[in-house]
Amino acid sequence: MITAEPTVRPRLPEWLRIKLPTADTFSRTRSLLDELKLHTVCESARCPNHWECWSKGTATFMIAGDRCTRACGFCAVSTAKPLALEADEPSRVAEATRRMKLNHVVITAVARDDLKDGGADHFRQTIEAVRKLNPCIVIEVLVPDFNESDVAIETVIGANPEIFNHNLETVRRLTPSVRHRATYDRSLAVLAKVKAHCGNSIHTKSGMMLGLGETEPEVLQAMADLRAVDCDILTLGQYLQPTLKHLPVVEFVTPAKFAEYQERGQAMGFVHVASGPMVRSSYHADEFTPSSEQR
């Protein structure tokens, strides 16, 4: 089992170093998010790609507040007693997508175990509000496990997002030390239930972080487990330690190894695989667009 211990973070390899943006679009995106008082996983989770994404005029919206009820060892989002849901947040997210002229939006949320439905109805309201202002937009939701509640899952898929994403995050062996209160099999069950209800009308998606000490056979087994529940889309990216209080990086996986995993995933039958050091769940999410026949 891996543990988080204070240490000096290792120097990043060349392929993980990024250049900060100079485009005016970055400032405009920040100003819009501030004006509408919206949270993004880009900032709250300290995503290394937020400079690039905001400079391109896009962001991943994080609803239901910025306080999570779980304390996962990899995640920079604050763990604290959540505040009440904001009734007008769905309309503010919708307005942001309209002003940003987005064709594809990713909506995620903190885990809200304090709520009976885990925040599922808030997801529904947000999806519906976005759809009302942007009828042609592709909506992707990245949801917590809802403690595997059928009612919660059905509430979200009932609003018809095109893509339902729930991350496996890591391999089976490392799950207990990486994901507080979550389980490997529960995450697989959530994805399986979506497919059981929706078939191919909604694409399912999941992702994993590499570099936490997993082995290649374990990664391939996790990929096979995702295909066994008919998961359509896979993302694989490098784990980066947000702070010294979080789990340490065990390995920097090379771009060549990520490319190899991408080929293996495609051979397994995933509809789309994004695999690379800087890949995150919502990074370049619009590179996969469901066809009109599938929507």
Protein backbone atom coordinates (compact mmCIF):
# COMPACT_ATOMS: atom_id res chain seq x y z
CA MET A 1 0.00 0.00 0.00
CA ILE A 2 1.32 3.43 -0.89
CA THR A 3 1.38 6.22 1.66
CA ALA A 4 1.66 9.97 1.45
CA GLU A 5 4.71 11.23 3.30
CA PRO A 6 6.25 14.73 3.24
CA THR A 7 9.12 14.73 0.79
CA VAL A 8 10.69 16.81 -1.93
CA ARG A 9 8.79 16.37 -5.15
CA PRO A 10 10.92 14.91 -7.96
CA ARG A 11 11.92 17.08 -10.87
CA LEU A 12 9.52 16.78 -13.79
CA PRO A 13 10.86 15.14 -16.94
CA GLU A 14 11.03 17.31 -20.04
CA TRP A 15 7.81 15.93 -21.51
CA LEU A 16 5.79 17.19 -18.54
CA ARG A 17 6.99 20.78 -18.57
CA ILE A 18 4.48 23.30 -19.85
CA LYS A 19 4.68 26.82 -21.18
CA LEU A 20 2.41 29.40 -19.60
CA PRO A 21 0.01 31.11 -22.00
CA THR A 22 0.13 34.67 -23.15
CA ALA A 23 -3.21 34.76 -24.99
CA ASP A 24 -5.84 37.29 -23.92
CA THR A 25 -8.41 34.48 -24.00
CA PHE A 26 -7.05 33.16 -20.69
CA SER A 27 -7.92 36.41 -18.90
CA ARG A 28 -11.33 36.57 -20.54
CA THR A 29 -12.12 33.03 -19.45
CA ARG A 30 -11.07 33.79 -15.88
CA SER A 31 -13.14 36.98 -15.84
CA LEU A 32 -16.23 35.17 -17.11
CA LEU A 33 -15.93 32.42 -14.50
CA ASP A 34 -15.43 35.01 -11.76
CA GLU A 35 -18.39 37.06 -12.94
CA LEU A 36 -20.72 34.04 -12.93
CA LYS A 37 -19.21 32.76 -9.66
CA LEU A 38 -18.49 29.31 -11.05
CA HIS A 39 -16.10 26.67 -9.78
CA THR A 40 -13.93 24.65 -12.14
CA VAL A 41 -12.07 21.43 -11.58
CA CYS A 42 -9.29 23.16 -13.50
CA GLU A 43 -8.50 25.32 -10.48
CA SER A 44 -9.84 23.27 -7.58
CA ALA A 45 -7.97 20.12 -8.61
CA ARG A 46 -4.89 22.08 -9.72
CA CYS A 47 -5.03 20.62 -13.21
CA PRO A 48 -1.76 21.27 -15.08
CA ASN A 49 -3.68 21.86 -18.30
CA HIS A 50 -5.88 24.70 -17.11
CA TRP A 51 -3.55 27.31 -18.61
CA GLU A 52 -3.94 25.75 -22.04
CA CYS A 53 -7.68 25.08 -21.75
CA TRP A 54 -8.57 28.55 -20.50
CA SER A 55 -6.41 30.06 -23.23
CA LYS A 56 -8.57 28.17 -25.73
CA GLY A 57 -11.74 29.47 -24.10
CA THR A 58 -12.90 26.26 -22.45
CA ALA A 59 -13.15 24.92 -18.90
CA THR A 60 -14.55 21.98 -16.93
CA PHE A 61 -17.33 23.17 -14.65
CA MET A 62 -17.51 21.78 -11.13
CA ILE A 63 -20.98 22.02 -9.64
CA ALA A 64 -22.36 21.44 -6.14
CA GLY A 65 -19.67 23.56 -4.50
CA ASP A 66 -15.93 23.20 -4.03
CA ARG A 67 -15.99 21.19 -0.79
CA CYS A 68 -15.84 17.42 -1.10
CA THR A 69 -17.09 14.91 1.47
CA ARG A 70 -14.30 12.49 0.58
CA ALA A 71 -10.54 12.72 1.06
CA CYS A 72 -8.91 10.85 -1.81
CA GLY A 73 -5.14 10.65 -1.55
CA PHE A 74 -4.52 12.05 -5.02
CA CYS A 75 -7.01 14.91 -5.18
CA ALA A 76 -6.38 18.58 -4.43
CA VAL A 77 -10.07 19.48 -4.01
CA SER A 78 -10.76 20.60 -0.43
CA THR A 79 -12.35 18.13 1.97
CA ALA A 80 -14.77 19.98 4.26
CA LYS A 81 -18.39 20.21 5.32
CA PRO A 82 -20.22 21.26 2.13
CA LEU A 83 -22.41 24.32 1.82
CA ALA A 84 -26.00 24.23 0.60
CA LEU A 85 -26.57 23.78 -3.12
CA GLU A 86 -27.06 27.01 -5.06
CA ALA A 87 -30.40 26.91 -6.86
CA ASP A 88 -29.26 29.22 -9.66
CA GLU A 89 -25.99 27.40 -10.37
CA PRO A 90 -27.43 25.33 -13.27
CA SER A 91 -28.51 28.51 -15.06
CA ARG A 92 -25.12 30.13 -14.46
CA VAL A 93 -23.32 27.14 -15.96
CA ALA A 94 -25.66 27.27 -18.94
CA GLU A 95 -24.98 30.97 -19.43
CA ALA A 96 -21.24 30.33 -19.33
CA THR A 97 -21.49 27.68 -22.04
CA ARG A 98 -23.55 30.07 -24.16
CA ARG A 99 -21.10 32.95 -23.82
CA MET A 100 -18.10 30.69 -24.40
CA LYS A 101 -19.82 29.24 -27.49
CA LEU A 102 -18.93 25.71 -26.48
CA ASN A 103 -19.72 22.75 -28.71
CA HIS A 104 -18.75 20.26 -26.00
CA VAL A 105 -18.97 20.79 -22.25
CA VAL A 106 -17.75 18.68 -19.35
CA ILE A 107 -19.66 19.03 -16.07
CA THR A 108 -18.30 17.40 -12.94
CA ALA A 109 -18.94 17.72 -9.21
CA VAL A 110 -17.48 17.07 -5.81
CA ALA A 111 -18.72 13.98 -3.96
CA ARG A 112 -21.76 15.01 -1.92
CA ASP A 113 -22.34 12.08 0.42
CA ASP A 114 -24.21 14.50 2.67
CA LEU A 115 -27.08 14.63 0.18
CA LYS A 116 -29.62 11.81 -0.12
CA ASP A 117 -29.17 11.64 -3.90
CA GLY A 118 -25.47 12.53 -3.89
CA GLY A 119 -26.24 15.62 -5.96
CA ALA A 120 -27.77 13.68 -8.86
CA ASP A 121 -30.76 15.98 -9.26
CA HIS A 122 -28.43 18.97 -9.35
CA PHE A 123 -26.66 17.29 -12.26
CA ARG A 124 -30.05 16.78 -13.94
CA GLN A 125 -31.00 20.43 -13.54
CA THR A 126 -27.63 21.57 -14.89
CA ILE A 127 -27.82 19.30 -17.92
CA GLU A 128 -31.33 20.52 -18.71
CA ALA A 129 -30.40 24.18 -18.26
CA VAL A 130 -27.39 23.84 -20.56
CA ARG A 131 -29.45 21.98 -23.17
CA LYS A 132 -32.12 24.69 -23.11
CA LEU A 133 -29.61 27.42 -24.02
CA ASN A 134 -27.44 25.21 -26.24
CA PRO A 135 -29.62 22.62 -28.01
CA CYS A 136 -26.78 21.24 -30.13
CA ILE A 137 -24.06 21.06 -27.48
CA VAL A 138 -22.49 17.71 -26.54
CA ILE A 139 -22.84 17.27 -22.78
CA GLU A 140 -20.39 15.09 -20.89
CA VAL A 141 -20.84 14.49 -17.18
CA LEU A 142 -18.06 13.27 -14.89
CA VAL A 143 -19.83 11.97 -11.82
CA PRO A 144 -18.96 10.50 -8.41
CA ASP A 145 -20.11 6.94 -7.70
CA PHE A 146 -23.34 8.05 -5.94
CA ASN A 147 -22.70 5.05 -3.64
CA GLU A 148 -24.04 2.99 -6.55
CA SER A 149 -27.58 4.32 -6.07
CA ASP A 150 -29.86 3.21 -8.91
CA VAL A 151 -32.13 6.21 -8.34
CA ALA A 152 -29.25 8.67 -8.54
CA ILE A 153 -27.77 7.07 -11.65
CA GLU A 154 -31.16 6.99 -13.37
CA THR A 155 -31.73 10.64 -12.47
CA VAL A 156 -28.57 11.70 -14.30
CA ILE A 157 -29.00 9.50 -17.36
CA GLY A 158 -32.64 10.53 -17.54
CA ALA A 159 -31.44 13.99 -18.58
CA ASN A 160 -29.72 12.36 -21.59
CA PRO A 161 -26.10 13.49 -21.48
CA GLU A 162 -24.21 12.20 -24.50
CA ILE A 163 -21.31 10.92 -22.38
CA PHE A 164 -21.42 9.51 -18.84
CA ASN A 165 -17.97 9.48 -17.28
CA HIS A 166 -16.99 7.91 -13.98
CA ASN A 167 -13.31 7.36 -13.31
CA LEU A 168 -11.82 4.11 -12.09
CA GLU A 169 -8.75 6.22 -11.20
CA THR A 170 -6.33 3.36 -10.49
CA VAL A 171 -5.85 -0.40 -10.49
CA ARG A 172 -7.61 -2.73 -8.07
CA ARG A 173 -4.64 -3.24 -5.70
CA LEU A 174 -4.06 0.48 -5.16
CA THR A 175 -7.69 1.56 -4.87
CA PRO A 176 -7.93 1.37 -1.05
CA SER A 177 -5.01 3.78 -0.58
CA VAL A 178 -5.85 6.09 -3.49
CA ARG A 179 -9.62 6.56 -3.30
CA HIS A 180 -11.18 7.25 0.08
CA ARG A 181 -14.55 5.49 0.50
CA ALA A 182 -14.69 4.43 -3.15
CA THR A 183 -14.25 0.85 -4.32
CA TYR A 184 -12.99 -0.64 -7.56
CA ASP A 185 -16.01 -2.90 -8.05
CA ARG A 186 -18.50 -0.15 -7.24
CA SER A 187 -17.06 2.05 -9.97
CA LEU A 188 -17.34 -0.79 -12.47
CA ALA A 189 -20.90 -1.41 -11.32
CA VAL A 190 -21.87 2.24 -11.90
CA LEU A 191 -20.65 2.07 -15.50
CA ALA A 192 -22.36 -1.30 -16.00
CA LYS A 193 -25.68 0.07 -14.78
CA VAL A 194 -25.56 2.96 -17.24
CA LYS A 195 -25.05 0.55 -20.12
CA ALA A 196 -27.79 -1.74 -18.83
CA HIS A 197 -30.23 1.19 -18.85
CA CYS A 198 -29.09 3.03 -21.96
CA GLY A 199 -27.29 0.63 -24.25
CA ASN A 200 -25.46 2.60 -26.92
CA SER A 201 -27.61 5.73 -26.59
CA ILE A 202 -25.13 7.09 -24.03
CA HIS A 203 -21.39 6.55 -24.26
CA THR A 204 -19.66 5.54 -21.05
CA LYS A 205 -16.18 6.75 -20.24
CA SER A 206 -13.58 6.15 -17.55
CA GLY A 207 -10.01 7.13 -16.79
CA MET A 208 -6.98 6.15 -14.78
CA MET A 209 -3.89 7.91 -13.44
CA LEU A 210 -0.58 6.15 -13.95
CA GLY A 211 2.61 6.50 -11.95
CA LEU A 212 1.24 5.50 -8.54
CA GLY A 213 3.09 2.20 -8.45
CA GLU A 214 0.84 0.07 -10.64
CA THR A 215 2.33 -2.63 -12.86
CA GLU A 216 1.68 -3.10 -16.57
CA PRO A 217 -0.33 -6.32 -16.05
CA GLU A 218 -2.49 -4.46 -13.51
CA VAL A 219 -3.15 -1.62 -15.96
CA LEU A 220 -4.09 -4.06 -18.71
CA GLN A 221 -6.37 -5.93 -16.32
CA ALA A 222 -8.13 -2.72 -15.34
CA MET A 223 -8.60 -1.88 -19.02
CA ALA A 224 -10.04 -5.35 -19.59
CA ASP A 225 -12.36 -4.92 -16.60
CA LEU A 226 -13.66 -1.67 -18.12
CA ARG A 227 -14.29 -3.35 -21.45
CA ALA A 228 -16.09 -6.16 -19.62
CA VAL A 229 -18.73 -3.61 -18.56
CA ASP A 230 -18.78 -2.23 -22.12
CA CYS A 231 -17.04 1.05 -21.31
CA ASP A 232 -16.63 2.96 -24.59
CA ILE A 233 -14.00 5.63 -23.90
CA LEU A 234 -10.75 5.44 -21.94
CA THR A 235 -8.34 8.12 -20.74
CA LEU A 236 -4.90 7.45 -19.29
CA GLY A 237 -2.67 10.18 -17.89
CA GLN A 238 0.27 10.78 -15.59
CA TYR A 239 -0.45 11.32 -11.89
CA LEU A 240 1.17 14.48 -10.55
CA GLN A 241 1.38 15.16 -6.81
CA PRO A 242 -0.64 18.32 -6.08
CA THR A 243 1.07 19.04 -2.74
CA LEU A 244 3.46 17.29 -0.37
CA LYS A 245 0.44 16.12 1.63
CA HIS A 246 -0.77 14.00 -1.27
CA LEU A 247 0.39 10.63 -2.52
CA PRO A 248 3.87 10.72 -4.03
CA VAL A 249 4.66 9.98 -7.64
CA VAL A 250 6.25 6.54 -7.87
CA GLU A 251 7.08 6.68 -11.57
CA PHE A 252 6.96 9.07 -14.51
CA VAL A 253 5.54 6.95 -17.29
CA THR A 254 7.14 7.64 -20.65
CA PRO A 255 5.23 8.91 -23.69
CA ALA A 256 6.20 5.69 -25.48
CA LYS A 257 4.51 3.57 -22.79
CA PHE A 258 1.38 5.73 -22.97
CA ALA A 259 1.35 5.22 -26.75
CA GLU A 260 1.63 1.48 -26.22
CA TYR A 261 -1.34 1.52 -23.81
CA GLN A 262 -3.34 3.48 -26.37
CA GLU A 263 -2.71 0.80 -28.99
CA ARG A 264 -3.63 -1.94 -26.52
CA GLY A 265 -6.83 -0.13 -25.61
CA GLN A 266 -7.86 0.30 -29.21
CA ALA A 267 -7.22 -3.38 -29.80
CA MET A 268 -9.47 -4.20 -26.83
CA GLY A 269 -12.35 -2.42 -28.52
CA PHE A 270 -12.60 0.99 -26.86
CA VAL A 271 -14.31 3.41 -29.25
CA HIS A 272 -11.83 6.13 -28.31
CA VAL A 273 -8.62 6.11 -26.25
CA ALA A 274 -6.73 9.20 -25.10
CA SER A 275 -3.43 8.18 -23.53
CA GLY A 276 -0.53 10.50 -22.77
CA PRO A 277 1.35 12.15 -19.90
CA MET A 278 -0.80 15.29 -19.91
CA VAL A 279 -4.13 13.57 -20.56
CA ARG A 280 -6.88 14.15 -18.00
CA SER A 281 -10.55 13.11 -18.01
CA SER A 282 -11.73 16.29 -19.67
CA TYR A 283 -8.56 17.30 -21.53
CA HIS A 284 -9.40 17.69 -25.22
CA ALA A 285 -12.67 15.89 -24.47
CA ASP A 286 -14.17 17.32 -27.65
CA GLU A 287 -11.84 15.14 -29.73
CA PHE A 288 -14.51 12.46 -29.38
CA THR A 289 -17.92 13.50 -30.67
CA PRO A 290 -20.82 11.05 -30.86
CA SER A 291 -22.18 10.79 -34.37
CA SER A 292 -25.64 12.14 -35.12
CA GLU A 293 -26.91 8.55 -35.38
CA GLN A 294 -25.75 7.85 -31.84
CA ARG A 295 -27.26 10.96 -30.28
